[in-house]
Amino acid sequence: MDALTLIRKTFAPLADRRILDIGCGAGTLAKRLAEDGAAVTGIDPGPAALAQARAAVPEARFEAASGEALPFPDASFDGAVMLNALHHVPNPAAALREAARVLIPGGSLVVVEPLARGSFFDALRPIEDETAVRAAAQEAIAAAVADGTLACRRDVIVERRESFASLDAFLKRVCTVDPARAAVIEARHAVVEAAFESAADRAADGGYGLVQPLRIQVLTPA
């Protein structure tokens, strides 16, 4: 089971479902969901990412906004997704409350979050150590369930494996998420290279493999 399969199963049938992609980035997930017939709205605070998303998925709607202040009325969506996004939000608890607010009764929020372990995390750590923010995201989800804001319907951990032809391919991938990482990579290139070489598995074709455990939780407004 991968994250996209679980997202699709959660919202099936996707045709005409109103799905909010919170932290949509360049629109990769939005494109997949729109291809399945969903009416997708994406939000992201980054103008460059939104420009890419609008070009990639012209049939979807995209808005500049933060997860903590969604510009939509209550009960606007059948479902919402935070794909590798919650730990990037300065106030994850507020983002979860907002997601719950804009869902219809019985709607689902799928939160996919990387855990602070695995070889991908080890390779990333010299560039950006996300230990604290990833833990904060998990704590916010647990608190939202404990205080009754959300109820957890499903909680699974899957391992995402990614293959890279070279160190440069890995660095391009992590800078796509956050271009500010490029300056750190330049300043610490030798350390970054050593961490990558140590963490990655070598394939027979000379490529590199990295594994990132993802925790996927399907939540509903309680």
C-alpha atoms as a PDB file:
ATOM      1  CA  MET A   1       0.000   0.000   0.000  1.00  0.00           C
ATOM      2  CA  ASP A   2       1.343   3.427  -0.928  1.00  0.00           C
ATOM      3  CA  ALA A   3       0.063   6.858   0.065  1.00  0.00           C
ATOM      4  CA  LEU A   4      -1.671   7.620  -3.229  1.00  0.00           C
ATOM      5  CA  THR A   5      -3.538   4.304  -3.211  1.00  0.00           C
ATOM      6  CA  LEU A   6      -4.768   4.899   0.335  1.00  0.00           C
ATOM      7  CA  ILE A   7      -5.837   8.462  -0.517  1.00  0.00           C
ATOM      8  CA  ARG A   8      -7.782   7.231  -3.525  1.00  0.00           C
ATOM      9  CA  LYS A   9      -9.458   4.469  -1.506  1.00  0.00           C
ATOM     10  CA  THR A  10     -10.419   6.889   1.253  1.00  0.00           C
ATOM     11  CA  PHE A  11     -12.272   9.205  -1.129  1.00  0.00           C
ATOM     12  CA  ALA A  12     -13.576   6.641  -3.623  1.00  0.00           C
ATOM     13  CA  PRO A  13     -15.454   7.162  -5.814  1.00  0.00           C
ATOM     14  CA  LEU A  14     -13.491  10.312  -6.648  1.00  0.00           C
ATOM     15  CA  ALA A  15     -15.704  11.581  -9.465  1.00  0.00           C
ATOM     16  CA  ASP A  16     -17.010  15.052  -8.527  1.00  0.00           C
ATOM     17  CA  ARG A  17     -15.683  14.816  -4.964  1.00  0.00           C
ATOM     18  CA  ARG A  18     -14.630  18.236  -3.649  1.00  0.00           C
ATOM     19  CA  ILE A  19     -11.080  17.621  -2.409  1.00  0.00           C
ATOM     20  CA  LEU A  20      -8.826  20.209  -0.779  1.00  0.00           C
ATOM     21  CA  ASP A  21      -5.079  19.695  -1.223  1.00  0.00           C
ATOM     22  CA  ILE A  22      -3.484  21.568   1.704  1.00  0.00           C
ATOM     23  CA  GLY A  23       0.120  22.438   0.904  1.00  0.00           C
ATOM     24  CA  CYS A  24      -0.297  21.442  -2.731  1.00  0.00           C
ATOM     25  CA  GLY A  25       3.178  22.466  -3.870  1.00  0.00           C
ATOM     26  CA  ALA A  26       3.631  22.100  -7.620  1.00  0.00           C
ATOM     27  CA  GLY A  27       0.351  20.188  -7.984  1.00  0.00           C
ATOM     28  CA  THR A  28       1.583  16.598  -8.262  1.00  0.00           C
ATOM     29  CA  LEU A  29      -1.174  15.136  -6.059  1.00  0.00           C
ATOM     30  CA  ALA A  30      -3.790  17.541  -7.404  1.00  0.00           C
ATOM     31  CA  LYS A  31      -3.083  16.297 -10.917  1.00  0.00           C
ATOM     32  CA  ARG A  32      -3.565  12.653  -9.928  1.00  0.00           C
ATOM     33  CA  LEU A  33      -6.848  13.381  -8.145  1.00  0.00           C
ATOM     34  CA  ALA A  34      -8.153  15.577 -10.969  1.00  0.00           C
ATOM     35  CA  GLU A  35      -7.389  12.794 -13.443  1.00  0.00           C
ATOM     36  CA  ASP A  36      -9.660  10.580 -11.333  1.00  0.00           C
ATOM     37  CA  GLY A  37     -12.484  13.102 -11.701  1.00  0.00           C
ATOM     38  CA  ALA A  38     -12.229  14.963  -8.398  1.00  0.00           C
ATOM     39  CA  ALA A  39     -12.982  18.677  -8.168  1.00  0.00           C
ATOM     40  CA  VAL A  40      -9.641  19.722  -6.666  1.00  0.00           C
ATOM     41  CA  THR A  41      -8.765  22.924  -4.865  1.00  0.00           C
ATOM     42  CA  GLY A  42      -5.151  23.421  -3.776  1.00  0.00           C
ATOM     43  CA  ILE A  43      -3.669  25.927  -1.337  1.00  0.00           C
ATOM     44  CA  ASP A  44      -0.041  26.835  -0.809  1.00  0.00           C
ATOM     45  CA  PRO A  45       1.740  29.927   0.514  1.00  0.00           C
ATOM     46  CA  GLY A  46       4.402  29.823  -2.237  1.00  0.00           C
ATOM     47  CA  PRO A  47       3.765  31.846  -5.435  1.00  0.00           C
ATOM     48  CA  ALA A  48       6.266  29.815  -7.471  1.00  0.00           C
ATOM     49  CA  ALA A  49       4.687  26.518  -6.440  1.00  0.00           C
ATOM     50  CA  LEU A  50       1.207  27.826  -7.239  1.00  0.00           C
ATOM     51  CA  ALA A  51       2.327  28.957 -10.694  1.00  0.00           C
ATOM     52  CA  GLN A  52       3.633  25.439 -11.374  1.00  0.00           C
ATOM     53  CA  ALA A  53       0.425  23.871 -10.044  1.00  0.00           C
ATOM     54  CA  ARG A  54      -1.809  26.065 -12.195  1.00  0.00           C
ATOM     55  CA  ALA A  55       0.215  25.179 -15.274  1.00  0.00           C
ATOM     56  CA  ALA A  56       0.192  21.457 -14.450  1.00  0.00           C
ATOM     57  CA  VAL A  57      -3.496  21.191 -13.512  1.00  0.00           C
ATOM     58  CA  PRO A  58      -5.464  23.927 -15.313  1.00  0.00           C
ATOM     59  CA  GLU A  59      -8.764  22.261 -14.450  1.00  0.00           C
ATOM     60  CA  ALA A  60      -8.148  22.639 -10.701  1.00  0.00           C
ATOM     61  CA  ARG A  61      -8.457  25.739  -8.536  1.00  0.00           C
ATOM     62  CA  PHE A  62      -5.473  27.070  -6.612  1.00  0.00           C
ATOM     63  CA  GLU A  63      -5.342  29.731  -3.899  1.00  0.00           C
ATOM     64  CA  ALA A  64      -2.497  31.427  -2.045  1.00  0.00           C
ATOM     65  CA  ALA A  65      -3.095  30.653   1.628  1.00  0.00           C
ATOM     66  CA  SER A  66      -1.603  29.057   4.715  1.00  0.00           C
ATOM     67  CA  GLY A  67      -2.923  25.927   6.357  1.00  0.00           C
ATOM     68  CA  GLU A  68      -3.718  27.879   9.522  1.00  0.00           C
ATOM     69  CA  ALA A  69      -6.155  30.236   7.737  1.00  0.00           C
ATOM     70  CA  LEU A  70      -8.074  28.533   4.954  1.00  0.00           C
ATOM     71  CA  PRO A  71     -10.063  31.035   2.845  1.00  0.00           C
ATOM     72  CA  PHE A  72     -13.171  28.854   2.594  1.00  0.00           C
ATOM     73  CA  PRO A  73     -16.520  28.672   4.404  1.00  0.00           C
ATOM     74  CA  ASP A  74     -17.347  25.894   6.844  1.00  0.00           C
ATOM     75  CA  ALA A  75     -18.238  22.514   5.302  1.00  0.00           C
ATOM     76  CA  SER A  76     -16.877  23.413   1.849  1.00  0.00           C
ATOM     77  CA  PHE A  77     -15.196  20.095   1.013  1.00  0.00           C
ATOM     78  CA  ASP A  78     -15.924  16.370   0.994  1.00  0.00           C
ATOM     79  CA  GLY A  79     -12.305  15.575   1.824  1.00  0.00           C
ATOM     80  CA  ALA A  80      -8.892  17.093   2.419  1.00  0.00           C
ATOM     81  CA  VAL A  81      -5.297  15.908   2.175  1.00  0.00           C
ATOM     82  CA  MET A  82      -2.081  17.069   3.820  1.00  0.00           C
ATOM     83  CA  LEU A  83       0.648  15.220   1.924  1.00  0.00           C
ATOM     84  CA  ASN A  84       4.057  15.757   3.570  1.00  0.00           C
ATOM     85  CA  ALA A  85       2.816  19.218   4.503  1.00  0.00           C
ATOM     86  CA  LEU A  86       1.793  19.387   8.167  1.00  0.00           C
ATOM     87  CA  HIS A  87       5.350  19.517   9.537  1.00  0.00           C
ATOM     88  CA  HIS A  88       6.034  22.559   7.336  1.00  0.00           C
ATOM     89  CA  VAL A  89       3.187  24.526   8.943  1.00  0.00           C
ATOM     90  CA  PRO A  90       4.306  26.824  11.789  1.00  0.00           C
ATOM     91  CA  ASN A  91       1.178  26.011  13.827  1.00  0.00           C
ATOM     92  CA  PRO A  92       0.101  22.447  12.989  1.00  0.00           C
ATOM     93  CA  ALA A  93      -2.639  22.410  15.636  1.00  0.00           C
ATOM     94  CA  ALA A  94      -4.321  25.416  14.008  1.00  0.00           C
ATOM     95  CA  ALA A  95      -4.000  23.801  10.574  1.00  0.00           C
ATOM     96  CA  LEU A  96      -5.770  20.663  11.790  1.00  0.00           C
ATOM     97  CA  ARG A  97      -8.602  22.734  13.284  1.00  0.00           C
ATOM     98  CA  GLU A  98      -8.989  24.599  10.003  1.00  0.00           C
ATOM     99  CA  ALA A  99      -9.045  21.382   8.005  1.00  0.00           C
ATOM    100  CA  ALA A 100     -11.757  19.999  10.289  1.00  0.00           C
ATOM    101  CA  ARG A 101     -13.762  23.217   9.915  1.00  0.00           C
ATOM    102  CA  VAL A 102     -13.942  23.149   6.127  1.00  0.00           C
ATOM    103  CA  LEU A 103     -14.969  19.478   5.904  1.00  0.00           C
ATOM    104  CA  ILE A 104     -18.569  18.383   5.609  1.00  0.00           C
ATOM    105  CA  PRO A 105     -19.924  16.157   8.407  1.00  0.00           C
ATOM    106  CA  GLY A 106     -18.491  12.723   7.751  1.00  0.00           C
ATOM    107  CA  GLY A 107     -15.737  14.105   5.522  1.00  0.00           C
ATOM    108  CA  SER A 108     -12.214  12.746   5.781  1.00  0.00           C
ATOM    109  CA  LEU A 109      -8.797  14.324   6.238  1.00  0.00           C
ATOM    110  CA  VAL A 110      -5.831  12.223   5.141  1.00  0.00           C
ATOM    111  CA  VAL A 111      -2.554  13.303   6.756  1.00  0.00           C
ATOM    112  CA  VAL A 112       0.622  11.777   5.333  1.00  0.00           C
ATOM    113  CA  GLU A 113       3.707  12.644   7.368  1.00  0.00           C
ATOM    114  CA  PRO A 114       7.336  11.497   7.149  1.00  0.00           C
ATOM    115  CA  LEU A 115       8.732  10.101  10.379  1.00  0.00           C
ATOM    116  CA  ALA A 116      12.101  11.131  11.800  1.00  0.00           C
ATOM    117  CA  ARG A 117      13.836   7.908  10.830  1.00  0.00           C
ATOM    118  CA  GLY A 118      14.891   5.948   7.756  1.00  0.00           C
ATOM    119  CA  SER A 119      17.726   6.337   5.288  1.00  0.00           C
ATOM    120  CA  PHE A 120      16.110   9.259   3.440  1.00  0.00           C
ATOM    121  CA  PHE A 121      15.870  11.143   6.736  1.00  0.00           C
ATOM    122  CA  ASP A 122      19.511  10.316   7.498  1.00  0.00           C
ATOM    123  CA  ALA A 123      20.601  11.696   4.126  1.00  0.00           C
ATOM    124  CA  LEU A 124      18.496  14.839   4.556  1.00  0.00           C
ATOM    125  CA  ARG A 125      19.544  15.576   8.123  1.00  0.00           C
ATOM    126  CA  PRO A 126      22.801  17.458   7.355  1.00  0.00           C
ATOM    127  CA  ILE A 127      20.789  19.709   5.008  1.00  0.00           C
ATOM    128  CA  GLU A 128      17.821  20.227   7.321  1.00  0.00           C
ATOM    129  CA  ASP A 129      17.215  18.396  10.572  1.00  0.00           C
ATOM    130  CA  GLU A 130      13.436  18.004  10.734  1.00  0.00           C
ATOM    131  CA  THR A 131      13.411  15.943  13.936  1.00  0.00           C
ATOM    132  CA  ALA A 132      11.596  18.610  15.970  1.00  0.00           C
ATOM    133  CA  VAL A 133       9.047  19.693  13.363  1.00  0.00           C
ATOM    134  CA  ARG A 134       8.154  16.114  12.441  1.00  0.00           C
ATOM    135  CA  ALA A 135       7.611  15.315  16.122  1.00  0.00           C
ATOM    136  CA  ALA A 136       5.506  18.468  16.541  1.00  0.00           C
ATOM    137  CA  ALA A 137       3.249  17.391  13.681  1.00  0.00           C
ATOM    138  CA  GLN A 138       2.631  14.001  15.294  1.00  0.00           C
ATOM    139  CA  GLU A 139       1.989  15.641  18.666  1.00  0.00           C
ATOM    140  CA  ALA A 140      -0.549  17.997  17.089  1.00  0.00           C
ATOM    141  CA  ILE A 141      -2.441  15.091  15.516  1.00  0.00           C
ATOM    142  CA  ALA A 142      -2.487  13.187  18.824  1.00  0.00           C
ATOM    143  CA  ALA A 143      -3.726  16.293  20.656  1.00  0.00           C
ATOM    144  CA  ALA A 144      -6.488  16.917  18.086  1.00  0.00           C
ATOM    145  CA  VAL A 145      -7.711  13.345  18.550  1.00  0.00           C
ATOM    146  CA  ALA A 146      -7.438  13.560  22.343  1.00  0.00           C
ATOM    147  CA  ASP A 147      -9.404  16.818  22.574  1.00  0.00           C
ATOM    148  CA  GLY A 148     -12.138  15.620  20.230  1.00  0.00           C
ATOM    149  CA  THR A 149     -11.380  17.890  17.271  1.00  0.00           C
ATOM    150  CA  LEU A 150     -10.751  14.824  15.112  1.00  0.00           C
ATOM    151  CA  ALA A 151     -11.327  11.095  15.320  1.00  0.00           C
ATOM    152  CA  CYS A 152      -8.826   8.628  13.831  1.00  0.00           C
ATOM    153  CA  ARG A 153     -10.315   6.034  11.488  1.00  0.00           C
ATOM    154  CA  ARG A 154      -7.078   4.548  10.202  1.00  0.00           C
ATOM    155  CA  ASP A 155      -3.420   4.738  11.185  1.00  0.00           C
ATOM    156  CA  VAL A 156      -0.771   2.937   9.124  1.00  0.00           C
ATOM    157  CA  ILE A 157       2.943   3.223   8.438  1.00  0.00           C
ATOM    158  CA  VAL A 158       4.269   2.538   4.957  1.00  0.00           C
ATOM    159  CA  GLU A 159       7.818   2.707   3.619  1.00  0.00           C
ATOM    160  CA  ARG A 160       8.347   4.899   0.588  1.00  0.00           C
ATOM    161  CA  ARG A 161      11.408   3.914  -1.417  1.00  0.00           C
ATOM    162  CA  GLU A 162      12.911   6.391  -3.846  1.00  0.00           C
ATOM    163  CA  SER A 163      15.674   5.761  -6.357  1.00  0.00           C
ATOM    164  CA  PHE A 164      18.209   8.342  -7.480  1.00  0.00           C
ATOM    165  CA  ALA A 165      20.722   8.122 -10.292  1.00  0.00           C
ATOM    166  CA  SER A 166      23.195  10.293  -8.395  1.00  0.00           C
ATOM    167  CA  LEU A 167      23.749  12.625  -5.471  1.00  0.00           C
ATOM    168  CA  ASP A 168      22.783  15.537  -7.716  1.00  0.00           C
ATOM    169  CA  ALA A 169      19.399  13.917  -8.404  1.00  0.00           C
ATOM    170  CA  PHE A 170      18.777  13.618  -4.666  1.00  0.00           C
ATOM    171  CA  LEU A 171      19.787  17.227  -4.069  1.00  0.00           C
ATOM    172  CA  LYS A 172      17.479  18.406  -6.844  1.00  0.00           C
ATOM    173  CA  ARG A 173      14.629  16.473  -5.231  1.00  0.00           C
ATOM    174  CA  VAL A 174      15.118  18.003  -1.766  1.00  0.00           C
ATOM    175  CA  CYS A 175      15.569  21.516  -3.146  1.00  0.00           C
ATOM    176  CA  THR A 176      12.311  21.240  -5.056  1.00  0.00           C
ATOM    177  CA  VAL A 177      10.581  20.988  -1.673  1.00  0.00           C
ATOM    178  CA  ASP A 178      12.479  23.989  -0.287  1.00  0.00           C
ATOM    179  CA  PRO A 179      14.788  26.024  -2.578  1.00  0.00           C
ATOM    180  CA  ALA A 180      16.414  27.612   0.507  1.00  0.00           C
ATOM    181  CA  ARG A 181      18.195  24.299   1.089  1.00  0.00           C
ATOM    182  CA  ALA A 182      20.513  25.029  -1.833  1.00  0.00           C
ATOM    183  CA  ALA A 183      22.577  27.476   0.217  1.00  0.00           C
ATOM    184  CA  VAL A 184      23.061  24.920   2.988  1.00  0.00           C
ATOM    185  CA  ILE A 185      24.080  22.273   0.480  1.00  0.00           C
ATOM    186  CA  GLU A 186      26.683  24.580  -1.026  1.00  0.00           C
ATOM    187  CA  ALA A 187      28.118  25.447   2.385  1.00  0.00           C
ATOM    188  CA  ARG A 188      28.181  21.837   3.667  1.00  0.00           C
ATOM    189  CA  HIS A 189      28.613  19.883   0.439  1.00  0.00           C
ATOM    190  CA  ALA A 190      31.234  17.453   1.724  1.00  0.00           C
ATOM    191  CA  VAL A 191      29.159  16.579   4.804  1.00  0.00           C
ATOM    192  CA  VAL A 192      26.001  16.233   2.718  1.00  0.00           C
ATOM    193  CA  GLU A 193      27.756  13.962   0.220  1.00  0.00           C
ATOM    194  CA  ALA A 194      29.169  11.744   2.961  1.00  0.00           C
ATOM    195  CA  ALA A 195      25.772  11.386   4.647  1.00  0.00           C
ATOM    196  CA  PHE A 196      24.133  10.462   1.339  1.00  0.00           C
ATOM    197  CA  GLU A 197      26.772   7.872   0.500  1.00  0.00           C
ATOM    198  CA  SER A 198      26.476   6.357   3.981  1.00  0.00           C
ATOM    199  CA  ALA A 199      22.670   6.220   4.052  1.00  0.00           C
ATOM    200  CA  ALA A 200      21.857   5.062   0.526  1.00  0.00           C
ATOM    201  CA  ASP A 201      21.710   1.503  -0.744  1.00  0.00           C
ATOM    202  CA  ARG A 202      23.588   0.919  -3.993  1.00  0.00           C
ATOM    203  CA  ALA A 203      21.708  -0.807  -6.799  1.00  0.00           C
ATOM    204  CA  ALA A 204      23.192  -3.081  -9.439  1.00  0.00           C
ATOM    205  CA  ASP A 205      22.842  -0.293 -12.019  1.00  0.00           C
ATOM    206  CA  GLY A 206      24.913   2.066  -9.869  1.00  0.00           C
ATOM    207  CA  GLY A 207      21.932   4.060  -8.614  1.00  0.00           C
ATOM    208  CA  TYR A 208      21.038   4.857  -5.041  1.00  0.00           C
ATOM    209  CA  GLY A 209      17.979   3.909  -2.967  1.00  0.00           C
ATOM    210  CA  LEU A 210      16.615   5.689   0.084  1.00  0.00           C
ATOM    211  CA  VAL A 211      13.673   4.706   2.301  1.00  0.00           C
ATOM    212  CA  GLN A 212      11.382   7.072   4.174  1.00  0.00           C
ATOM    213  CA  PRO A 213       8.738   5.674   6.573  1.00  0.00           C
ATOM    214  CA  LEU A 214       5.456   7.568   6.232  1.00  0.00           C
ATOM    215  CA  ARG A 215       2.680   7.605   8.806  1.00  0.00           C
ATOM    216  CA  ILE A 216      -0.735   7.904   7.175  1.00  0.00           C
ATOM    217  CA  GLN A 217      -3.742   8.807   9.299  1.00  0.00           C
ATOM    218  CA  VAL A 218      -7.325   9.068   8.100  1.00  0.00           C
ATOM    219  CA  LEU A 219      -9.169  11.509  10.344  1.00  0.00           C
ATOM    220  CA  THR A 220     -12.732  12.780  10.545  1.00  0.00           C
ATOM    221  CA  PRO A 221     -14.204  15.786  12.370  1.00  0.00           C
ATOM    222  CA  ALA A 222     -15.439  14.448  15.690  1.00  0.00           C
END
